[in-house]
């Protein structure tokens, strides 16, 4: 299970792309990676 920022219940462990279970295409997987990268650059 992941939160709105693709972070798991293990602090600092993020699931992005195809392994997140949320994305359904290559473009969505890439976008989730960009989203998490941007999120991590601001925390």
C-alpha atoms as a PDB file:
ATOM      1  CA  UNK A   1       0.000   0.000   0.000  1.00  0.00           C
ATOM      2  CA  UNK A   2       1.328   3.440  -0.941  1.00  0.00           C
ATOM      3  CA  UNK A   3       0.338   6.994  -0.026  1.00  0.00           C
ATOM      4  CA  UNK A   4      -0.319   9.974  -2.313  1.00  0.00           C
ATOM      5  CA  UNK A   5       3.432  10.437  -2.774  1.00  0.00           C
ATOM      6  CA  UNK A   6       4.023   6.761  -3.719  1.00  0.00           C
ATOM      7  CA  UNK A   7       5.704   6.131  -0.333  1.00  0.00           C
ATOM      8  CA  UNK A   8       5.175   2.769   1.346  1.00  0.00           C
ATOM      9  CA  UNK A   9       4.640   2.165   5.059  1.00  0.00           C
ATOM     10  CA  UNK A  10       8.442   1.867   5.250  1.00  0.00           C
ATOM     11  CA  UNK A  11       9.628   5.467   5.646  1.00  0.00           C
ATOM     12  CA  UNK A  12      11.750   6.513   2.681  1.00  0.00           C
ATOM     13  CA  UNK A  13      10.773   3.558   0.471  1.00  0.00           C
ATOM     14  CA  UNK A  14       8.886   4.634  -2.640  1.00  0.00           C
ATOM     15  CA  UNK A  15       7.272   2.451  -5.313  1.00  0.00           C
ATOM     16  CA  UNK A  16       7.072   4.147  -8.686  1.00  0.00           C
ATOM     17  CA  UNK A  17       6.468   3.037 -12.226  1.00  0.00           C
ATOM     18  CA  UNK A  18       5.090  -0.394 -12.989  1.00  0.00           C
ATOM     19  CA  UNK A  19       5.786  -1.797  -9.507  1.00  0.00           C
ATOM     20  CA  UNK A  20       3.441   0.733  -7.852  1.00  0.00           C
ATOM     21  CA  UNK A  21       0.327  -0.986  -9.167  1.00  0.00           C
ATOM     22  CA  UNK A  22      -1.128   2.445  -9.971  1.00  0.00           C
ATOM     23  CA  UNK A  23       0.195   3.078 -13.459  1.00  0.00           C
ATOM     24  CA  UNK A  24      -1.158   1.432 -16.579  1.00  0.00           C
ATOM     25  CA  UNK A  25       1.197   2.651 -19.287  1.00  0.00           C
ATOM     26  CA  UNK A  26       4.781   3.660 -19.915  1.00  0.00           C
ATOM     27  CA  UNK A  27       3.886   7.348 -19.909  1.00  0.00           C
ATOM     28  CA  UNK A  28       2.101   7.052 -16.543  1.00  0.00           C
ATOM     29  CA  UNK A  29       5.041   5.113 -15.108  1.00  0.00           C
ATOM     30  CA  UNK A  30       7.467   7.794 -16.290  1.00  0.00           C
ATOM     31  CA  UNK A  31       5.240  10.560 -14.937  1.00  0.00           C
ATOM     32  CA  UNK A  32       5.091   8.903 -11.512  1.00  0.00           C
ATOM     33  CA  UNK A  33       8.891   8.800 -11.438  1.00  0.00           C
ATOM     34  CA  UNK A  34       9.079  12.501 -12.291  1.00  0.00           C
ATOM     35  CA  UNK A  35       6.463  13.287  -9.641  1.00  0.00           C
ATOM     36  CA  UNK A  36       8.345  11.444  -6.889  1.00  0.00           C
ATOM     37  CA  UNK A  37      11.643  12.980  -7.986  1.00  0.00           C
ATOM     38  CA  UNK A  38      10.150  16.459  -7.731  1.00  0.00           C
ATOM     39  CA  UNK A  39       8.590  15.609  -4.353  1.00  0.00           C
ATOM     40  CA  UNK A  40      11.913  14.323  -2.989  1.00  0.00           C
ATOM     41  CA  UNK A  41      13.767  17.418  -4.155  1.00  0.00           C
ATOM     42  CA  UNK A  42      11.489  19.568  -1.981  1.00  0.00           C
ATOM     43  CA  UNK A  43      11.600  17.643   1.309  1.00  0.00           C
END
